[in-house]
Amino acid sequence: MSQILTIARLTFFEAARRRILLAALILSALFLVVYGIGFNYIHLELQTETGGRFLLMQEIHNFLTLAGLYAVNFLTIMMAGLTSVDTISGEINTGTIQSLVTKPIRRREVILGKWLGFMFMLTLYVLLMAGGVQGIVYSLGDYLVTGYWRGLGLLWLNGVLILSVSFVGGTMLSTLANGVLVFGLFGVAFVGGWIEQIGAMIENEAAVNIGIVSSLILPGEALWKRAAFEMSSPIVTAMGISPFTSGQSVPSPIMVWYAVAYILVMLLWAIRAFSKRDL
């Protein structure tokens, strides 16, 4: 266990030194600045136009918060994929992985340690970004999203999902091919999720089934839609009308457990593939 934690710590600090992480943090900070300025102007204008009517302001604040968290969900997926896409395949190609596997360390400890290191980094990123969005809304609009922590957990789980898929690809594919795999699967799930939502709105069963199949291939978009449902206002939930989720096709808690099982399978697959790979 100590070896796994040591590798996790080294992986975290190694990832922190990469320029891609620095660039991502700078752009993320820029996103929060732009979001905060935009929210402030919208909030002030709406107070004037609506006379500060409480219920209407609450609904608009909920929508703006979910819009910000929708962007955070996308940025988290990009962070998980881009920072980890070459963590195994790149080290195999350069031969640096041999400095680890030639020591008295099991290969599964290498995978678990690196996975934990990236997961810790991803956790801090989600807390920073999602906390930044909610902090801006609360400080300027005095509004807290209902079900925020449940939604935050699902956003985090979505990032871990992409991270785990990236680890599987890294043990079997080149860095470029792994990137195509990760973001290709994300694209399939993203498009399928919107097809399912539109299909539910127009009551087209075939379209809904396409979305369900895409969620089984990669349950990432289903996690976001569940998160959006958890954080939607009671009025939006009752009406079942939202650009972020549909009341007719809300992913069930079973899909969340499926995503957890999916992550475990991906992690075990990565361990098995790496243990059998000729280095």
Protein backbone atom coordinates (compact mmCIF):
# COMPACT_ATOMS: atom_id res chain seq x y z
CA MET A 1 0.00 0.00 0.00
CA SER A 2 2.85 2.39 0.82
CA GLN A 3 4.33 1.84 -2.65
CA ILE A 4 0.99 2.68 -4.28
CA LEU A 5 0.75 5.91 -2.28
CA THR A 6 4.35 6.79 -3.14
CA ILE A 7 3.67 6.35 -6.85
CA ALA A 8 0.45 8.35 -6.47
CA ARG A 9 2.34 11.23 -4.84
CA LEU A 10 5.07 11.19 -7.49
CA THR A 11 2.45 11.05 -10.27
CA PHE A 12 0.59 14.01 -8.82
CA PHE A 13 3.70 16.19 -8.61
CA GLU A 14 4.86 15.07 -12.05
CA ALA A 15 1.47 16.02 -13.54
CA ALA A 16 1.56 19.34 -11.68
CA ARG A 17 4.84 20.23 -13.40
CA ARG A 18 3.44 19.74 -16.90
CA ARG A 19 2.76 22.83 -18.97
CA ILE A 20 -0.58 21.42 -20.10
CA LEU A 21 -1.84 21.51 -16.51
CA LEU A 22 -0.60 25.07 -16.04
CA ALA A 23 -2.30 26.13 -19.27
CA ALA A 24 -5.51 24.40 -18.19
CA LEU A 25 -5.48 26.15 -14.82
CA ILE A 26 -4.88 29.56 -16.40
CA LEU A 27 -7.73 29.05 -18.86
CA SER A 28 -9.97 27.73 -16.09
CA ALA A 29 -9.27 30.82 -14.00
CA LEU A 30 -10.07 32.93 -17.06
CA PHE A 31 -13.35 31.02 -17.43
CA LEU A 32 -14.31 31.82 -13.82
CA VAL A 33 -13.45 35.49 -14.31
CA VAL A 34 -15.55 35.74 -17.50
CA TYR A 35 -18.38 33.77 -15.88
CA GLY A 36 -18.33 36.00 -12.80
CA ILE A 37 -18.39 39.23 -14.82
CA GLY A 38 -21.15 37.92 -17.07
CA PHE A 39 -23.23 36.68 -14.15
CA ASN A 40 -22.88 40.00 -12.36
CA TYR A 41 -24.14 42.03 -15.34
CA ILE A 42 -27.01 39.60 -15.99
CA HIS A 43 -27.98 39.62 -12.31
CA LEU A 44 -28.04 43.42 -12.10
CA GLU A 45 -30.04 43.73 -15.32
CA LEU A 46 -32.57 41.14 -14.20
CA GLN A 47 -33.05 42.86 -10.87
CA THR A 48 -33.99 46.01 -12.75
CA GLU A 49 -36.20 44.29 -15.34
CA THR A 50 -38.05 41.96 -12.94
CA GLY A 51 -38.18 44.24 -9.93
CA GLY A 52 -36.24 41.60 -7.97
CA ARG A 53 -39.14 39.13 -7.92
CA PHE A 54 -37.80 36.30 -5.77
CA LEU A 55 -39.16 33.23 -7.56
CA LEU A 56 -38.20 34.40 -11.03
CA MET A 57 -34.72 35.40 -9.89
CA GLN A 58 -34.26 31.97 -8.26
CA GLU A 59 -35.15 30.18 -11.48
CA ILE A 60 -32.79 32.31 -13.56
CA HIS A 61 -29.99 31.82 -11.04
CA ASN A 62 -30.55 28.07 -11.18
CA PHE A 63 -30.31 28.12 -14.96
CA LEU A 64 -27.12 30.21 -14.95
CA THR A 65 -25.54 27.95 -12.34
CA LEU A 66 -26.29 24.83 -14.36
CA ALA A 67 -24.93 26.54 -17.47
CA GLY A 68 -21.69 27.21 -15.63
CA LEU A 69 -21.51 23.66 -14.28
CA TYR A 70 -22.22 22.30 -17.78
CA ALA A 71 -19.02 24.03 -18.91
CA VAL A 72 -17.20 22.70 -15.83
CA ASN A 73 -18.30 19.17 -16.71
CA PHE A 74 -16.83 19.58 -20.20
CA LEU A 75 -13.60 21.09 -18.85
CA THR A 76 -13.26 18.26 -16.33
CA ILE A 77 -13.53 15.69 -19.10
CA MET A 78 -10.89 17.53 -21.12
CA MET A 79 -8.62 17.73 -18.07
CA ALA A 80 -9.01 14.03 -17.29
CA GLY A 81 -8.32 12.98 -20.87
CA LEU A 82 -5.53 15.37 -21.86
CA THR A 83 -3.42 15.05 -18.71
CA SER A 84 -3.52 11.24 -18.54
CA VAL A 85 -3.62 10.22 -22.21
CA ASP A 86 0.14 9.57 -22.37
CA THR A 87 0.82 8.59 -18.77
CA ILE A 88 1.26 4.90 -19.64
CA SER A 89 1.71 4.79 -23.41
CA GLY A 90 4.14 7.72 -23.42
CA GLU A 91 6.31 6.20 -20.70
CA ILE A 92 6.31 2.85 -22.50
CA ASN A 93 7.43 4.46 -25.75
CA THR A 94 10.23 6.43 -24.07
CA GLY A 95 11.29 3.51 -21.88
CA THR A 96 10.93 5.46 -18.63
CA ILE A 97 8.37 2.98 -17.34
CA GLN A 98 11.15 0.40 -17.05
CA SER A 99 12.70 2.37 -14.19
CA LEU A 100 9.61 1.43 -12.18
CA VAL A 101 8.85 -2.12 -13.29
CA THR A 102 12.46 -3.27 -12.81
CA LYS A 103 12.20 -2.43 -9.12
CA PRO A 104 10.44 -4.70 -6.59
CA ILE A 105 7.07 -3.13 -7.42
CA ARG A 106 4.15 -5.07 -8.83
CA ARG A 107 2.75 -3.80 -12.09
CA ARG A 108 -0.70 -3.43 -10.59
CA GLU A 109 0.79 -1.10 -7.98
CA VAL A 110 2.15 1.09 -10.80
CA ILE A 111 -1.31 1.37 -12.39
CA LEU A 112 -3.13 1.91 -9.10
CA GLY A 113 -0.61 4.49 -7.92
CA LYS A 114 -0.72 6.50 -11.13
CA TRP A 115 -4.53 6.27 -11.24
CA LEU A 116 -4.83 7.53 -7.66
CA GLY A 117 -2.41 10.39 -8.37
CA PHE A 118 -4.45 11.62 -11.32
CA MET A 119 -7.71 11.07 -9.45
CA PHE A 120 -6.50 13.29 -6.60
CA MET A 121 -5.52 16.00 -9.09
CA LEU A 122 -8.92 15.69 -10.77
CA THR A 123 -10.70 15.94 -7.42
CA LEU A 124 -8.96 19.23 -6.64
CA TYR A 125 -9.81 20.54 -10.09
CA VAL A 126 -13.52 19.69 -9.76
CA LEU A 127 -13.68 21.29 -6.31
CA LEU A 128 -11.96 24.42 -7.62
CA MET A 129 -14.10 24.84 -10.72
CA ALA A 130 -17.51 23.74 -9.43
CA GLY A 131 -16.88 25.52 -6.14
CA GLY A 132 -15.89 28.63 -8.07
CA VAL A 133 -19.12 28.65 -10.06
CA GLN A 134 -21.30 28.11 -6.99
CA GLY A 135 -19.26 30.65 -5.01
CA ILE A 136 -19.77 33.30 -7.68
CA VAL A 137 -23.52 32.68 -7.83
CA TYR A 138 -23.87 32.73 -4.04
CA SER A 139 -21.73 35.83 -3.49
CA LEU A 140 -23.44 37.86 -6.23
CA GLY A 141 -26.92 36.36 -6.30
CA ASP A 142 -27.33 34.84 -2.82
CA TYR A 143 -28.40 31.53 -4.34
CA LEU A 144 -27.40 27.95 -3.46
CA VAL A 145 -28.25 25.12 -5.85
CA THR A 146 -30.47 22.38 -4.46
CA GLY A 147 -28.68 19.03 -4.48
CA TYR A 148 -25.31 20.68 -5.12
CA TRP A 149 -23.19 18.01 -3.43
CA ARG A 150 -24.98 15.15 -5.18
CA GLY A 151 -24.45 16.89 -8.49
CA LEU A 152 -20.82 17.63 -7.65
CA GLY A 153 -20.22 13.96 -6.88
CA LEU A 154 -21.61 12.96 -10.27
CA LEU A 155 -19.43 15.54 -12.06
CA TRP A 156 -16.41 14.10 -10.27
CA LEU A 157 -17.47 10.56 -11.16
CA ASN A 158 -17.69 11.58 -14.82
CA GLY A 159 -14.08 12.76 -14.73
CA VAL A 160 -12.93 9.54 -13.06
CA LEU A 161 -14.78 7.59 -15.75
CA ILE A 162 -12.84 9.30 -18.55
CA LEU A 163 -9.61 8.89 -16.58
CA SER A 164 -10.17 5.14 -16.26
CA VAL A 165 -10.90 4.74 -19.98
CA SER A 166 -7.70 6.66 -20.71
CA PHE A 167 -5.72 4.25 -18.56
CA VAL A 168 -7.07 1.23 -20.44
CA GLY A 169 -6.17 2.78 -23.77
CA GLY A 170 -2.73 3.76 -22.50
CA THR A 171 -1.83 0.15 -21.70
CA MET A 172 -2.65 -1.08 -25.21
CA LEU A 173 -2.45 1.83 -27.65
CA SER A 174 -0.14 4.65 -28.64
CA THR A 175 -0.73 8.10 -27.19
CA LEU A 176 -2.43 9.38 -30.34
CA ALA A 177 -4.65 6.32 -30.70
CA ASN A 178 -5.56 6.53 -27.02
CA GLY A 179 -6.63 10.15 -27.44
CA VAL A 180 -8.81 9.17 -30.40
CA LEU A 181 -10.36 6.38 -28.30
CA VAL A 182 -11.11 8.54 -25.27
CA PHE A 183 -12.59 11.54 -27.06
CA GLY A 184 -14.26 9.38 -29.70
CA LEU A 185 -16.18 7.52 -26.99
CA PHE A 186 -17.02 10.83 -25.35
CA GLY A 187 -18.38 12.11 -28.67
CA VAL A 188 -20.56 9.03 -29.10
CA ALA A 189 -21.99 9.41 -25.59
CA PHE A 190 -22.51 13.16 -26.03
CA VAL A 191 -24.43 12.85 -29.30
CA GLY A 192 -26.38 9.84 -28.05
CA GLY A 193 -27.43 11.72 -24.93
CA TRP A 194 -28.88 14.58 -26.93
CA ILE A 195 -30.62 12.17 -29.31
CA GLU A 196 -32.21 10.48 -26.29
CA GLN A 197 -33.31 13.80 -24.79
CA ILE A 198 -34.87 15.03 -28.02
CA GLY A 199 -36.43 11.61 -28.61
CA ALA A 200 -38.03 11.75 -25.16
CA MET A 201 -39.46 15.21 -25.87
CA ILE A 202 -41.05 14.10 -29.17
CA GLU A 203 -41.90 10.63 -27.78
CA ASN A 204 -39.78 8.75 -30.33
CA GLU A 205 -38.86 5.42 -28.79
CA ALA A 206 -36.18 4.59 -31.38
CA ALA A 207 -34.28 7.80 -30.60
CA VAL A 208 -34.53 7.11 -26.88
CA ASN A 209 -33.13 3.61 -27.39
CA ILE A 210 -30.17 5.03 -29.34
CA GLY A 211 -29.37 7.23 -26.37
CA ILE A 212 -29.65 4.32 -23.95
CA VAL A 213 -27.24 2.21 -26.03
CA SER A 214 -24.74 5.08 -26.21
CA SER A 215 -24.96 5.43 -22.42
CA LEU A 216 -24.11 1.76 -22.05
CA ILE A 217 -21.07 2.24 -24.30
CA LEU A 218 -19.92 5.16 -22.12
CA PRO A 219 -22.20 6.43 -19.32
CA GLY A 220 -20.58 9.87 -19.14
CA GLU A 221 -23.42 11.93 -20.58
CA ALA A 222 -25.90 10.00 -18.44
CA LEU A 223 -23.96 11.07 -15.34
CA TRP A 224 -24.18 14.71 -16.37
CA LYS A 225 -27.91 14.49 -17.05
CA ARG A 226 -28.46 12.88 -13.66
CA ALA A 227 -26.36 15.63 -12.06
CA ALA A 228 -28.42 18.30 -13.84
CA PHE A 229 -31.62 16.63 -12.62
CA GLU A 230 -30.35 16.58 -9.03
CA MET A 231 -29.49 20.29 -9.17
CA SER A 232 -32.53 21.56 -11.07
CA SER A 233 -35.05 23.73 -9.26
CA PRO A 234 -38.30 22.10 -8.05
CA ILE A 235 -40.32 23.98 -10.69
CA VAL A 236 -38.11 22.79 -13.54
CA THR A 237 -38.18 19.24 -12.16
CA ALA A 238 -41.97 19.31 -11.98
CA MET A 239 -42.34 20.69 -15.50
CA GLY A 240 -39.70 18.33 -16.92
CA ILE A 241 -38.43 21.02 -19.32
CA SER A 242 -34.76 21.95 -19.28
CA PRO A 243 -31.97 22.36 -21.85
CA PHE A 244 -29.74 20.23 -19.63
CA THR A 245 -31.96 17.24 -18.93
CA SER A 246 -35.40 15.90 -19.77
CA GLY A 247 -37.94 14.82 -17.19
CA GLN A 248 -39.01 12.03 -19.54
CA SER A 249 -35.53 10.48 -19.77
CA VAL A 250 -33.72 11.13 -16.50
CA PRO A 251 -31.03 8.47 -15.96
CA SER A 252 -31.94 6.29 -13.00
CA PRO A 253 -29.70 5.61 -9.98
CA ILE A 254 -29.04 2.23 -11.58
CA MET A 255 -27.13 4.04 -14.33
CA VAL A 256 -24.98 5.71 -11.67
CA TRP A 257 -24.12 2.30 -10.21
CA TYR A 258 -23.45 1.07 -13.73
CA ALA A 259 -20.94 3.90 -14.13
CA VAL A 260 -19.23 2.89 -10.87
CA ALA A 261 -19.03 -0.72 -12.07
CA TYR A 262 -17.77 0.54 -15.45
CA ILE A 263 -14.92 2.39 -13.73
CA LEU A 264 -13.94 -0.70 -11.73
CA VAL A 265 -13.97 -2.86 -14.86
CA MET A 266 -11.83 -0.32 -16.73
CA LEU A 267 -9.34 -0.18 -13.86
CA LEU A 268 -9.09 -3.98 -13.64
CA TRP A 269 -8.77 -4.17 -17.41
CA ALA A 270 -5.90 -1.66 -17.33
CA ILE A 271 -4.14 -3.66 -14.61
CA ARG A 272 -4.51 -6.91 -16.52
CA ALA A 273 -3.45 -5.44 -19.87
CA PHE A 274 -0.38 -3.75 -18.35
CA SER A 275 0.65 -6.91 -16.48
CA LYS A 276 0.66 -8.86 -19.76
CA ARG A 277 2.26 -6.20 -21.95
CA ASP A 278 5.79 -6.79 -23.19
CA LEU A 279 7.85 -3.77 -22.15
